[in-house]
Structure formats: structure tokens, C-alpha cells
Amino acid sequence: VQLQASGGGTVQTGGSLRLSCAASGSISHIYTMGWYRQAPGKQRELVASITDSENTNYADSVKGRSTISRDNAKNTVYLQMNSLKPEDTAVYYCNANIYNNWGSRANYWGQGTQVTVSS
């Protein structure tokens, strides 16, 4: 199983970005999918998550500015981020809890995508 993240980049304050993360491999079911971020010198933190029942959870810092969604047919999770601020600058990682075709369930991480917001 692999997670491939994309969509990062550099934007000005107030701009928008849409991150995508596609899971591939021997997947039977994907439970919770989420996005985390890690800024230099800081711990990795949860940005947003979405369950297989479409229940969502957001960090207070992005609530109202970001929307997480998923396309189960494509095994893909998205993070739409609007009104970006310099403090949103970080490497963003996708995460998915996956039950594979061999009967194992585990957390998987994508490779990270850089988001830079310039002031």
C-alpha cells in the first residue's frame, strides 16, 4: 500500500491550495484518512481527518478555512485550504488507516508535500 500526496506549493497570504492524496495497492477498505503538518522545529500535528462515514474533524487553527473530503472510488482524500496564512507553512502529510487484502490493518503515511505561504 502506498500513499501519494500532491498539490503543495507556494502561495501568498490569503491564497488557496488543494492537496490530494491517493492510496494505491492491495486495499480492502480505507477507514479514517487525514492530513497532518509539521513546521520546522515543531511537532507533527493533525490538520483534519475524515472517517469512512464522512465524519470530519478539524484543528482549531484551520477550522472555517479548510475542507477535507474523500472520493472512495478513487481512494483519494483532499484538503482544500483557503485564506492561507504564513503560519500554515509546513510539510503536509497524508495518513490513512487501511485494511489490506491480506487481512491486516495499519496506518500508512504519504511522502509529504511542502506548503509555503508568503506574507
PDB file of N, CA and C in Angstrom:
ATOM      1  N   VAL A   1       0.844  -1.188   0.000  1.00  0.00           N
ATOM      2  CA  VAL A   1       0.000   0.000   0.000  1.00  0.00           C
ATOM      3  C   VAL A   1       0.881   1.240   0.000  1.00  0.00           C
ATOM      4  N   GLN A   2       0.523   2.201  -0.832  1.00  0.00           N
ATOM      5  CA  GLN A   2       1.276   3.462  -0.896  1.00  0.00           C
ATOM      6  C   GLN A   2       0.303   4.636  -0.916  1.00  0.00           C
ATOM      7  N   LEU A   3       0.757   5.749  -0.338  1.00  0.00           N
ATOM      8  CA  LEU A   3       0.013   6.990  -0.396  1.00  0.00           C
ATOM      9  C   LEU A   3       0.849   8.011  -1.150  1.00  0.00           C
ATOM     10  N   GLN A   4       0.259   8.647  -2.146  1.00  0.00           N
ATOM     11  CA  GLN A   4       0.966   9.631  -2.960  1.00  0.00           C
ATOM     12  C   GLN A   4       0.267  10.971  -2.802  1.00  0.00           C
ATOM     13  N   ALA A   5       0.976  11.917  -2.175  1.00  0.00           N
ATOM     14  CA  ALA A   5       0.414  13.250  -1.952  1.00  0.00           C
ATOM     15  C   ALA A   5       0.879  14.211  -3.033  1.00  0.00           C
ATOM     16  N   SER A   6       0.032  15.180  -3.328  1.00  0.00           N
ATOM     17  CA  SER A   6       0.376  16.204  -4.310  1.00  0.00           C
ATOM     18  C   SER A   6      -0.417  17.471  -4.019  1.00  0.00           C
ATOM     19  N   GLY A   7      -0.031  18.555  -4.686  1.00  0.00           N
ATOM     20  CA  GLY A   7      -0.805  19.782  -4.593  1.00  0.00           C
ATOM     21  C   GLY A   7      -0.174  20.890  -3.779  1.00  0.00           C
ATOM     22  N   GLY A   8       0.950  20.624  -3.154  1.00  0.00           N
ATOM     23  CA  GLY A   8       1.600  21.675  -2.387  1.00  0.00           C
ATOM     24  C   GLY A   8       2.187  22.741  -3.305  1.00  0.00           C
ATOM     25  N   GLY A   9       2.690  23.797  -2.701  1.00  0.00           N
ATOM     26  CA  GLY A   9       3.285  24.865  -3.478  1.00  0.00           C
ATOM     27  C   GLY A   9       3.450  26.118  -2.641  1.00  0.00           C
ATOM     28  N   THR A  10       3.755  27.205  -3.314  1.00  0.00           N
ATOM     29  CA  THR A  10       3.935  28.491  -2.662  1.00  0.00           C
ATOM     30  C   THR A  10       2.822  29.439  -3.090  1.00  0.00           C
ATOM     31  N   VAL A  11       2.165  30.010  -2.104  1.00  0.00           N
ATOM     32  CA  VAL A  11       1.088  30.971  -2.382  1.00  0.00           C
ATOM     33  C   VAL A  11       1.267  32.178  -1.478  1.00  0.00           C
ATOM     34  N   GLN A  12       0.621  33.261  -1.826  1.00  0.00           N
ATOM     35  CA  GLN A  12       0.643  34.457  -0.985  1.00  0.00           C
ATOM     36  C   GLN A  12      -0.434  34.346   0.092  1.00  0.00           C
ATOM     37  N   THR A  13      -0.271  35.124   1.120  1.00  0.00           N
ATOM     38  CA  THR A  13      -1.271  35.188   2.183  1.00  0.00           C
ATOM     39  C   THR A  13      -2.643  35.464   1.584  1.00  0.00           C
ATOM     40  N   GLY A  14      -3.612  34.683   2.030  1.00  0.00           N
ATOM     41  CA  GLY A  14      -4.968  34.815   1.517  1.00  0.00           C
ATOM     42  C   GLY A  14      -5.275  33.895   0.360  1.00  0.00           C
ATOM     43  N   GLY A  15      -4.263  33.230  -0.159  1.00  0.00           N
ATOM     44  CA  GLY A  15      -4.463  32.338  -1.285  1.00  0.00           C
ATOM     45  C   GLY A  15      -5.030  30.991  -0.885  1.00  0.00           C
ATOM     46  N   SER A  16      -5.178  30.127  -1.879  1.00  0.00           N
ATOM     47  CA  SER A  16      -5.773  28.814  -1.669  1.00  0.00           C
ATOM     48  C   SER A  16      -4.909  27.723  -2.301  1.00  0.00           C
ATOM     49  N   LEU A  17      -5.019  26.541  -1.728  1.00  0.00           N
ATOM     50  CA  LEU A  17      -4.373  25.365  -2.288  1.00  0.00           C
ATOM     51  C   LEU A  17      -5.281  24.168  -2.053  1.00  0.00           C
ATOM     52  N   ARG A  18      -5.188  23.200  -2.943  1.00  0.00           N
ATOM     53  CA  ARG A  18      -5.914  21.951  -2.774  1.00  0.00           C
ATOM     54  C   ARG A  18      -4.913  20.811  -2.800  1.00  0.00           C
ATOM     55  N   LEU A  19      -4.816  20.111  -1.682  1.00  0.00           N
ATOM     56  CA  LEU A  19      -3.945  18.954  -1.586  1.00  0.00           C
ATOM     57  C   LEU A  19      -4.733  17.696  -1.912  1.00  0.00           C
ATOM     58  N   SER A  20      -4.042  16.751  -2.548  1.00  0.00           N
ATOM     59  CA  SER A  20      -4.650  15.460  -2.862  1.00  0.00           C
ATOM     60  C   SER A  20      -3.734  14.354  -2.382  1.00  0.00           C
ATOM     61  N   CYS A  21      -4.325  13.239  -2.027  1.00  0.00           N
ATOM     62  CA  CYS A  21      -3.539  12.080  -1.603  1.00  0.00           C
ATOM     63  C   CYS A  21      -4.274  10.818  -2.043  1.00  0.00           C
ATOM     64  N   ALA A  22      -3.620  10.065  -2.917  1.00  0.00           N
ATOM     65  CA  ALA A  22      -4.225   8.853  -3.450  1.00  0.00           C
ATOM     66  C   ALA A  22      -3.562   7.619  -2.863  1.00  0.00           C
ATOM     67  N   ALA A  23      -4.376   6.701  -2.411  1.00  0.00           N
ATOM     68  CA  ALA A  23      -3.876   5.431  -1.895  1.00  0.00           C
ATOM     69  C   ALA A  23      -3.953   4.384  -2.995  1.00  0.00           C
ATOM     70  N   SER A  24      -2.935   3.543  -3.051  1.00  0.00           N
ATOM     71  CA  SER A  24      -2.916   2.501  -4.069  1.00  0.00           C
ATOM     72  C   SER A  24      -2.338   1.219  -3.482  1.00  0.00           C
ATOM     73  N   GLY A  25      -2.603   0.125  -4.150  1.00  0.00           N
ATOM     74  CA  GLY A  25      -2.111  -1.160  -3.683  1.00  0.00           C
ATOM     75  C   GLY A  25      -3.249  -2.105  -3.367  1.00  0.00           C
ATOM     76  N   SER A  26      -2.962  -3.092  -2.556  1.00  0.00           N
ATOM     77  CA  SER A  26      -3.948  -4.137  -2.228  1.00  0.00           C
ATOM     78  C   SER A  26      -4.823  -3.677  -1.072  1.00  0.00           C
ATOM     79  N   ILE A  27      -5.794  -2.867  -1.400  1.00  0.00           N
ATOM     80  CA  ILE A  27      -6.647  -2.231  -0.404  1.00  0.00           C
ATOM     81  C   ILE A  27      -8.012  -2.882  -0.364  1.00  0.00           C
ATOM     82  N   SER A  28      -8.413  -3.277   0.825  1.00  0.00           N
ATOM     83  CA  SER A  28      -9.748  -3.818   1.004  1.00  0.00           C
ATOM     84  C   SER A  28     -10.711  -2.728   1.473  1.00  0.00           C
ATOM     85  N   HIS A  29     -10.265  -1.936   2.425  1.00  0.00           N
ATOM     86  CA  HIS A  29     -11.108  -0.858   2.943  1.00  0.00           C
ATOM     87  C   HIS A  29     -10.226   0.223   3.557  1.00  0.00           C
ATOM     88  N   ILE A  30     -10.632   1.473   3.354  1.00  0.00           N
ATOM     89  CA  ILE A  30      -9.924   2.586   3.982  1.00  0.00           C
ATOM     90  C   ILE A  30     -10.825   3.188   5.052  1.00  0.00           C
ATOM     91  N   TYR A  31     -10.350   3.209   6.248  1.00  0.00           N
ATOM     92  CA  TYR A  31     -11.097   3.807   7.352  1.00  0.00           C
ATOM     93  C   TYR A  31     -10.828   5.304   7.385  1.00  0.00           C
ATOM     94  N   THR A  32     -10.265   5.810   8.444  1.00  0.00           N
ATOM     95  CA  THR A  32     -10.031   7.243   8.546  1.00  0.00           C
ATOM     96  C   THR A  32      -8.869   7.682   7.664  1.00  0.00           C
ATOM     97  N   MET A  33      -9.057   8.807   6.989  1.00  0.00           N
ATOM     98  CA  MET A  33      -7.999   9.443   6.218  1.00  0.00           C
ATOM     99  C   MET A  33      -7.802  10.836   6.797  1.00  0.00           C
ATOM    100  N   GLY A  34      -6.573  11.310   6.736  1.00  0.00           N
ATOM    101  CA  GLY A  34      -6.333  12.611   7.339  1.00  0.00           C
ATOM    102  C   GLY A  34      -5.105  13.303   6.801  1.00  0.00           C
ATOM    103  N   TRP A  35      -5.002  14.548   7.195  1.00  0.00           N
ATOM    104  CA  TRP A  35      -3.842  15.362   6.856  1.00  0.00           C
ATOM    105  C   TRP A  35      -3.199  15.872   8.145  1.00  0.00           C
ATOM    106  N   TYR A  36      -1.893  15.768   8.188  1.00  0.00           N
ATOM    107  CA  TYR A  36      -1.087  16.294   9.285  1.00  0.00           C
ATOM    108  C   TYR A  36      -0.101  17.285   8.697  1.00  0.00           C
ATOM    109  N   ARG A  37       0.478  18.104   9.548  1.00  0.00           N
ATOM    110  CA  ARG A  37       1.516  19.007   9.074  1.00  0.00           C
ATOM    111  C   ARG A  37       2.602  19.145  10.128  1.00  0.00           C
ATOM    112  N   GLN A  38       3.783  19.457   9.639  1.00  0.00           N
ATOM    113  CA  GLN A  38       4.915  19.658  10.533  1.00  0.00           C
ATOM    114  C   GLN A  38       5.719  20.855  10.057  1.00  0.00           C
ATOM    115  N   ALA A  39       5.751  21.878  10.884  1.00  0.00           N
ATOM    116  CA  ALA A  39       6.543  23.074  10.598  1.00  0.00           C
ATOM    117  C   ALA A  39       7.931  22.888  11.192  1.00  0.00           C
ATOM    118  N   PRO A  40       8.913  23.603  10.689  1.00  0.00           N
ATOM    119  CA  PRO A  40      10.283  23.468  11.211  1.00  0.00           C
ATOM    120  C   PRO A  40      10.335  23.705  12.720  1.00  0.00           C
ATOM    121  N   GLY A  41      10.941  22.774  13.431  1.00  0.00           N
ATOM    122  CA  GLY A  41      11.096  22.917  14.869  1.00  0.00           C
ATOM    123  C   GLY A  41       9.860  22.593  15.674  1.00  0.00           C
ATOM    124  N   LYS A  42       8.822  22.123  15.017  1.00  0.00           N
ATOM    125  CA  LYS A  42       7.578  21.812  15.723  1.00  0.00           C
ATOM    126  C   LYS A  42       7.199  20.351  15.525  1.00  0.00           C
ATOM    127  N   GLN A  43       6.319  19.887  16.388  1.00  0.00           N
ATOM    128  CA  GLN A  43       5.838  18.517  16.261  1.00  0.00           C
ATOM    129  C   GLN A  43       4.787  18.424  15.161  1.00  0.00           C
ATOM    130  N   ARG A  44       4.658  17.225  14.634  1.00  0.00           N
ATOM    131  CA  ARG A  44       3.615  16.980  13.643  1.00  0.00           C
ATOM    132  C   ARG A  44       2.256  17.084  14.329  1.00  0.00           C
ATOM    133  N   GLU A  45       1.331  17.767  13.663  1.00  0.00           N
ATOM    134  CA  GLU A  45       0.013  17.967  14.248  1.00  0.00           C
ATOM    135  C   GLU A  45      -1.074  17.621  13.251  1.00  0.00           C
ATOM    136  N   LEU A  46      -2.212  17.205  13.778  1.00  0.00           N
ATOM    137  CA  LEU A  46      -3.363  16.888  12.941  1.00  0.00           C
ATOM    138  C   LEU A  46      -3.955  18.188  12.390  1.00  0.00           C
ATOM    139  N   VAL A  47      -4.227  18.192  11.088  1.00  0.00           N
ATOM    140  CA  VAL A  47      -4.906  19.323  10.468  1.00  0.00           C
ATOM    141  C   VAL A  47      -6.397  19.012  10.319  1.00  0.00           C
ATOM    142  N   ALA A  48      -6.689  17.856   9.738  1.00  0.00           N
ATOM    143  CA  ALA A  48      -8.077  17.464   9.526  1.00  0.00           C
ATOM    144  C   ALA A  48      -8.136  15.969   9.253  1.00  0.00           C
ATOM    145  N   SER A  49      -9.266  15.371   9.571  1.00  0.00           N
ATOM    146  CA  SER A  49      -9.459  13.953   9.295  1.00  0.00           C
ATOM    147  C   SER A  49     -10.898  13.704   8.876  1.00  0.00           C
ATOM    148  N   ILE A  50     -11.103  12.585   8.190  1.00  0.00           N
ATOM    149  CA  ILE A  50     -12.439  12.212   7.741  1.00  0.00           C
ATOM    150  C   ILE A  50     -12.568  10.700   7.844  1.00  0.00           C
ATOM    151  N   THR A  51     -13.645  10.245   8.454  1.00  0.00           N
ATOM    152  CA  THR A  51     -13.840   8.811   8.618  1.00  0.00           C
ATOM    153  C   THR A  51     -14.505   8.223   7.374  1.00  0.00           C
ATOM    154  N   ASP A  52     -14.637   6.917   7.368  1.00  0.00           N
ATOM    155  CA  ASP A  52     -15.315   6.269   6.248  1.00  0.00           C
ATOM    156  C   ASP A  52     -16.814   6.543   6.272  1.00  0.00           C
ATOM    157  N   SER A  53     -17.292   7.109   7.371  1.00  0.00           N
ATOM    158  CA  SER A  53     -18.685   7.547   7.450  1.00  0.00           C
ATOM    159  C   SER A  53     -18.832   9.034   7.152  1.00  0.00           C
ATOM    160  N   GLU A  54     -17.739   9.647   6.676  1.00  0.00           N
ATOM    161  CA  GLU A  54     -17.727  11.062   6.287  1.00  0.00           C
ATOM    162  C   GLU A  54     -17.803  12.010   7.484  1.00  0.00           C
ATOM    163  N   ASN A  55     -17.519  11.523   8.672  1.00  0.00           N
ATOM    164  CA  ASN A  55     -17.416  12.422   9.812  1.00  0.00           C
ATOM    165  C   ASN A  55     -16.070  13.120   9.750  1.00  0.00           C
ATOM    166  N   THR A  56     -16.087  14.428   9.955  1.00  0.00           N
ATOM    167  CA  THR A  56     -14.860  15.206   9.832  1.00  0.00           C
ATOM    168  C   THR A  56     -14.453  15.822  11.163  1.00  0.00           C
ATOM    169  N   ASN A  57     -13.156  16.104  11.249  1.00  0.00           N
ATOM    170  CA  ASN A  57     -12.596  16.736  12.433  1.00  0.00           C
ATOM    171  C   ASN A  57     -11.510  17.696  11.960  1.00  0.00           C
ATOM    172  N   TYR A  58     -11.472  18.898  12.544  1.00  0.00           N
ATOM    173  CA  TYR A  58     -10.512  19.919  12.132  1.00  0.00           C
ATOM    174  C   TYR A  58      -9.768  20.469  13.332  1.00  0.00           C
ATOM    175  N   ALA A  59      -8.522  20.822  13.117  1.00  0.00           N
ATOM    176  CA  ALA A  59      -7.781  21.576  14.119  1.00  0.00           C
ATOM    177  C   ALA A  59      -8.404  22.962  14.211  1.00  0.00           C
ATOM    178  N   ASP A  60      -8.404  23.515  15.403  1.00  0.00           N
ATOM    179  CA  ASP A  60      -8.988  24.845  15.586  1.00  0.00           C
ATOM    180  C   ASP A  60      -8.330  25.874  14.678  1.00  0.00           C
ATOM    181  N   SER A  61      -7.048  25.678  14.407  1.00  0.00           N
ATOM    182  CA  SER A  61      -6.294  26.666  13.630  1.00  0.00           C
ATOM    183  C   SER A  61      -6.729  26.754  12.177  1.00  0.00           C
ATOM    184  N   VAL A  62      -7.395  25.706  11.669  1.00  0.00           N
ATOM    185  CA  VAL A  62      -7.811  25.709  10.258  1.00  0.00           C
ATOM    186  C   VAL A  62      -9.323  25.665  10.104  1.00  0.00           C
ATOM    187  N   LYS A  63     -10.028  25.525  11.208  1.00  0.00           N
ATOM    188  CA  LYS A  63     -11.481  25.414  11.145  1.00  0.00           C
ATOM    189  C   LYS A  63     -12.068  26.652  10.487  1.00  0.00           C
ATOM    190  N   GLY A  64     -12.974  26.436   9.545  1.00  0.00           N
ATOM    191  CA  GLY A  64     -13.586  27.547   8.822  1.00  0.00           C
ATOM    192  C   GLY A  64     -12.810  27.974   7.588  1.00  0.00           C
ATOM    193  N   ARG A  65     -11.578  27.534   7.472  1.00  0.00           N
ATOM    194  CA  ARG A  65     -10.754  27.886   6.311  1.00  0.00           C
ATOM    195  C   ARG A  65     -10.415  26.680   5.448  1.00  0.00           C
ATOM    196  N   SER A  66     -10.629  25.491   5.976  1.00  0.00           N
ATOM    197  CA  SER A  66     -10.238  24.282   5.259  1.00  0.00           C
ATOM    198  C   SER A  66     -11.401  23.293   5.204  1.00  0.00           C
ATOM    199  N   THR A  67     -11.400  22.492   4.144  1.00  0.00           N
ATOM    200  CA  THR A  67     -12.412  21.455   3.981  1.00  0.00           C
ATOM    201  C   THR A  67     -11.733  20.165   3.551  1.00  0.00           C
ATOM    202  N   ILE A  68     -11.974  19.107   4.306  1.00  0.00           N
ATOM    203  CA  ILE A  68     -11.453  17.798   3.934  1.00  0.00           C
ATOM    204  C   ILE A  68     -12.581  16.991   3.304  1.00  0.00           C
ATOM    205  N   SER A  69     -12.240  16.232   2.278  1.00  0.00           N
ATOM    206  CA  SER A  69     -13.225  15.394   1.604  1.00  0.00           C
ATOM    207  C   SER A  69     -12.525  14.152   1.071  1.00  0.00           C
ATOM    208  N   ARG A  70     -13.313  13.185   0.646  1.00  0.00           N
ATOM    209  CA  ARG A  70     -12.719  11.965   0.109  1.00  0.00           C
ATOM    210  C   ARG A  70     -13.561  11.436  -1.034  1.00  0.00           C
ATOM    211  N   ASP A  71     -12.889  10.749  -1.935  1.00  0.00           N
ATOM    212  CA  ASP A  71     -13.550  10.066  -3.044  1.00  0.00           C
ATOM    213  C   ASP A  71     -13.204   8.596  -2.893  1.00  0.00           C
ATOM    214  N   ASN A  72     -14.135   7.830  -2.388  1.00  0.00           N
ATOM    215  CA  ASN A  72     -13.856   6.422  -2.099  1.00  0.00           C
ATOM    216  C   ASN A  72     -13.611   5.608  -3.365  1.00  0.00           C
ATOM    217  N   ALA A  73     -14.209   6.004  -4.464  1.00  0.00           N
ATOM    218  CA  ALA A  73     -13.992   5.284  -5.720  1.00  0.00           C
ATOM    219  C   ALA A  73     -12.555   5.430  -6.196  1.00  0.00           C
ATOM    220  N   LYS A  74     -11.931   6.541  -5.812  1.00  0.00           N
ATOM    221  CA  LYS A  74     -10.548   6.803  -6.227  1.00  0.00           C
ATOM    222  C   LYS A  74      -9.558   6.608  -5.083  1.00  0.00           C
ATOM    223  N   ASN A  75     -10.045   6.186  -3.915  1.00  0.00           N
ATOM    224  CA  ASN A  75      -9.177   6.016  -2.736  1.00  0.00           C
ATOM    225  C   ASN A  75      -8.352   7.278  -2.479  1.00  0.00           C
ATOM    226  N   THR A  76      -8.993   8.410  -2.591  1.00  0.00           N
ATOM    227  CA  THR A  76      -8.294   9.694  -2.522  1.00  0.00           C
ATOM    228  C   THR A  76      -8.931  10.611  -1.480  1.00  0.00           C
ATOM    229  N   VAL A  77      -8.068  11.315  -0.773  1.00  0.00           N
ATOM    230  CA  VAL A  77      -8.520  12.325   0.185  1.00  0.00           C
ATOM    231  C   VAL A  77      -7.997  13.681  -0.277  1.00  0.00           C
ATOM    232  N   TYR A  78      -8.817  14.711  -0.060  1.00  0.00           N
ATOM    233  CA  TYR A  78      -8.473  16.054  -0.479  1.00  0.00           C
ATOM    234  C   TYR A  78      -8.497  16.994   0.726  1.00  0.00           C
ATOM    235  N   LEU A  79      -7.692  18.049   0.637  1.00  0.00           N
ATOM    236  CA  LEU A  79      -7.750  19.109   1.629  1.00  0.00           C
ATOM    237  C   LEU A  79      -7.754  20.431   0.882  1.00  0.00           C
ATOM    238  N   GLN A  80      -8.875  21.104   0.900  1.00  0.00           N
ATOM    239  CA  GLN A  80      -8.995  22.426   0.310  1.00  0.00           C
ATOM    240  C   GLN A  80      -8.689  23.442   1.391  1.00  0.00           C
ATOM    241  N   MET A  81      -7.668  24.244   1.170  1.00  0.00           N
ATOM    242  CA  MET A  81      -7.264  25.246   2.151  1.00  0.00           C
ATOM    243  C   MET A  81      -7.424  26.633   1.551  1.00  0.00           C
ATOM    244  N   ASN A  82      -8.184  27.471   2.230  1.00  0.00           N
ATOM    245  CA  ASN A  82      -8.431  28.832   1.789  1.00  0.00           C
ATOM    246  C   ASN A  82      -7.916  29.825   2.827  1.00  0.00           C
ATOM    247  N   SER A  83      -7.844  31.083   2.416  1.00  0.00           N
ATOM    248  CA  SER A  83      -7.399  32.148   3.325  1.00  0.00           C
ATOM    249  C   SER A  83      -6.118  31.744   4.054  1.00  0.00           C
ATOM    250  N   LEU A  84      -5.163  31.263   3.286  1.00  0.00           N
ATOM    251  CA  LEU A  84      -3.929  30.750   3.881  1.00  0.00           C
ATOM    252  C   LEU A  84      -3.138  31.856   4.564  1.00  0.00           C
ATOM    253  N   LYS A  85      -2.480  31.461   5.649  1.00  0.00           N
ATOM    254  CA  LYS A  85      -1.681  32.383   6.459  1.00  0.00           C
ATOM    255  C   LYS A  85      -0.243  31.895   6.498  1.00  0.00           C
ATOM    256  N   PRO A  86       0.700  32.767   6.774  1.00  0.00           N
ATOM    257  CA  PRO A  86       2.104  32.322   6.877  1.00  0.00           C
ATOM    258  C   PRO A  86       2.288  31.188   7.880  1.00  0.00           C
ATOM    259  N   GLU A  87       1.494  31.170   8.934  1.00  0.00           N
ATOM    260  CA  GLU A  87       1.621  30.109   9.940  1.00  0.00           C
ATOM    261  C   GLU A  87       1.111  28.754   9.452  1.00  0.00           C
ATOM    262  N   ASP A  88       0.533  28.717   8.257  1.00  0.00           N
ATOM    263  CA  ASP A  88       0.151  27.443   7.654  1.00  0.00           C
ATOM    264  C   ASP A  88       1.329  26.779   6.940  1.00  0.00           C
ATOM    265  N   THR A  89       2.434  27.502   6.843  1.00  0.00           N
ATOM    266  CA  THR A  89       3.615  26.964   6.181  1.00  0.00           C
ATOM    267  C   THR A  89       4.126  25.736   6.915  1.00  0.00           C
ATOM    268  N   ALA A  90       4.255  24.634   6.183  1.00  0.00           N
ATOM    269  CA  ALA A  90       4.670  23.367   6.784  1.00  0.00           C
ATOM    270  C   ALA A  90       4.757  22.311   5.686  1.00  0.00           C
ATOM    271  N   VAL A  91       5.301  21.170   6.050  1.00  0.00           N
ATOM    272  CA  VAL A  91       5.190  19.989   5.199  1.00  0.00           C
ATOM    273  C   VAL A  91       3.911  19.271   5.605  1.00  0.00           C
ATOM    274  N   TYR A  92       3.078  18.999   4.648  1.00  0.00           N
ATOM    275  CA  TYR A  92       1.786  18.351   4.895  1.00  0.00           C
ATOM    276  C   TYR A  92       1.882  16.873   4.507  1.00  0.00           C
ATOM    277  N   TYR A  93       1.443  16.028   5.440  1.00  0.00           N
ATOM    278  CA  TYR A  93       1.481  14.583   5.240  1.00  0.00           C
ATOM    279  C   TYR A  93       0.060  14.022   5.275  1.00  0.00           C
ATOM    280  N   CYS A  94      -0.221  13.122   4.353  1.00  0.00           N
ATOM    281  CA  CYS A  94      -1.499  12.435   4.432  1.00  0.00           C
ATOM    282  C   CYS A  94      -1.309  11.113   5.173  1.00  0.00           C
ATOM    283  N   ASN A  95      -2.385  10.673   5.762  1.00  0.00           N
ATOM    284  CA  ASN A  95      -2.380   9.454   6.555  1.00  0.00           C
ATOM    285  C   ASN A  95      -3.667   8.701   6.287  1.00  0.00           C
ATOM    286  N   ALA A  96      -3.579   7.387   6.277  1.00  0.00           N
ATOM    287  CA  ALA A  96      -4.780   6.591   6.072  1.00  0.00           C
ATOM    288  C   ALA A  96      -4.688   5.301   6.867  1.00  0.00           C
ATOM    289  N   ASN A  97      -5.789   4.945   7.458  1.00  0.00           N
ATOM    290  CA  ASN A  97      -5.896   3.670   8.182  1.00  0.00           C
ATOM    291  C   ASN A  97      -6.548   2.670   7.239  1.00  0.00           C
ATOM    292  N   ILE A  98      -5.778   1.650   6.854  1.00  0.00           N
ATOM    293  CA  ILE A  98      -6.191   0.798   5.743  1.00  0.00           C
ATOM    294  C   ILE A  98      -6.204  -0.672   6.125  1.00  0.00           C
ATOM    295  N   TYR A  99      -7.249  -1.344   5.704  1.00  0.00           N
ATOM    296  CA  TYR A  99      -7.349  -2.807   5.835  1.00  0.00           C
ATOM    297  C   TYR A  99      -7.001  -3.378   4.475  1.00  0.00           C
ATOM    298  N   ASN A 100      -5.915  -4.141   4.416  1.00  0.00           N
ATOM    299  CA  ASN A 100      -5.472  -4.612   3.108  1.00  0.00           C
ATOM    300  C   ASN A 100      -6.094  -5.969   2.759  1.00  0.00           C
ATOM    301  N   ASN A 101      -5.759  -6.447   1.592  1.00  0.00           N
ATOM    302  CA  ASN A 101      -6.377  -7.678   1.084  1.00  0.00           C
ATOM    303  C   ASN A 101      -5.876  -8.939   1.771  1.00  0.00           C
ATOM    304  N   TRP A 102      -4.845  -8.788   2.603  1.00  0.00           N
ATOM    305  CA  TRP A 102      -4.319  -9.952   3.320  1.00  0.00           C
ATOM    306  C   TRP A 102      -4.767  -9.992   4.773  1.00  0.00           C
ATOM    307  N   GLY A 103      -5.728  -9.154   5.106  1.00  0.00           N
ATOM    308  CA  GLY A 103      -6.299  -9.225   6.449  1.00  0.00           C
ATOM    309  C   GLY A 103      -5.576  -8.431   7.502  1.00  0.00           C
ATOM    310  N   SER A 104      -4.725  -7.499   7.113  1.00  0.00           N
ATOM    311  CA  SER A 104      -4.011  -6.667   8.080  1.00  0.00           C
ATOM    312  C   SER A 104      -4.514  -5.232   7.991  1.00  0.00           C
ATOM    313  N   ARG A 105      -4.484  -4.565   9.136  1.00  0.00           N
ATOM    314  CA  ARG A 105      -4.926  -3.171   9.199  1.00  0.00           C
ATOM    315  C   ARG A 105      -3.787  -2.358   9.791  1.00  0.00           C
ATOM    316  N   ALA A 106      -3.463  -1.244   9.157  1.00  0.00           N
ATOM    317  CA  ALA A 106      -2.344  -0.423   9.623  1.00  0.00           C
ATOM    318  C   ALA A 106      -2.497   1.015   9.159  1.00  0.00           C
ATOM    319  N   ASN A 107      -1.721   1.893   9.775  1.00  0.00           N
ATOM    320  CA  ASN A 107      -1.650   3.289   9.350  1.00  0.00           C
ATOM    321  C   ASN A 107      -0.541   3.463   8.325  1.00  0.00           C
ATOM    322  N   TYR A 108      -0.838   4.209   7.289  1.00  0.00           N
ATOM    323  CA  TYR A 108       0.129   4.484   6.242  1.00  0.00           C
ATOM    324  C   TYR A 108       0.285   6.001   6.098  1.00  0.00           C
ATOM    325  N   TRP A 109       1.514   6.402   5.713  1.00  0.00           N
ATOM    326  CA  TRP A 109       1.813   7.823   5.533  1.00  0.00           C
ATOM    327  C   TRP A 109       2.255   8.106   4.107  1.00  0.00           C
ATOM    328  N   GLY A 110       1.859   9.261   3.610  1.00  0.00           N
ATOM    329  CA  GLY A 110       2.374   9.739   2.346  1.00  0.00           C
ATOM    330  C   GLY A 110       3.734  10.388   2.536  1.00  0.00           C
ATOM    331  N   GLN A 111       4.330  10.815   1.432  1.00  0.00           N
ATOM    332  CA  GLN A 111       5.701  11.308   1.463  1.00  0.00           C
ATOM    333  C   GLN A 111       5.817  12.762   1.900  1.00  0.00           C
ATOM    334  N   GLY A 112       4.715  13.475   2.015  1.00  0.00           N
ATOM    335  CA  GLY A 112       4.784  14.870   2.419  1.00  0.00           C
ATOM    336  C   GLY A 112       4.843  15.802   1.220  1.00  0.00           C
ATOM    337  N   THR A 113       4.152  16.909   1.344  1.00  0.00           N
ATOM    338  CA  THR A 113       4.174  17.927   0.307  1.00  0.00           C
ATOM    339  C   THR A 113       4.315  19.293   0.979  1.00  0.00           C
ATOM    340  N   GLN A 114       5.208  20.114   0.469  1.00  0.00           N
ATOM    341  CA  GLN A 114       5.524  21.398   1.097  1.00  0.00           C
ATOM    342  C   GLN A 114       4.481  22.451   0.732  1.00  0.00           C
ATOM    343  N   VAL A 115       3.995  23.133   1.750  1.00  0.00           N
ATOM    344  CA  VAL A 115       3.122  24.285   1.569  1.00  0.00           C
ATOM    345  C   VAL A 115       3.824  25.495   2.172  1.00  0.00           C
ATOM    346  N   THR A 116       4.026  26.513   1.363  1.00  0.00           N
ATOM    347  CA  THR A 116       4.675  27.739   1.818  1.00  0.00           C
ATOM    348  C   THR A 116       3.762  28.914   1.532  1.00  0.00           C
ATOM    349  N   VAL A 117       3.482  29.679   2.577  1.00  0.00           N
ATOM    350  CA  VAL A 117       2.617  30.847   2.437  1.00  0.00           C
ATOM    351  C   VAL A 117       3.469  32.089   2.708  1.00  0.00           C
ATOM    352  N   SER A 118       3.608  32.913   1.713  1.00  0.00           N
ATOM    353  CA  SER A 118       4.440  34.103   1.847  1.00  0.00           C
ATOM    354  C   SER A 118       3.587  35.296   2.269  1.00  0.00           C
ATOM    355  N   SER A 119       4.199  36.161   3.062  1.00  0.00           N
ATOM    356  CA  SER A 119       3.473  37.335   3.576  1.00  0.00           C
ATOM    357  C   SER A 119       3.632  38.532   2.656  1.00  0.00           C
TER     358      SER A 119
END
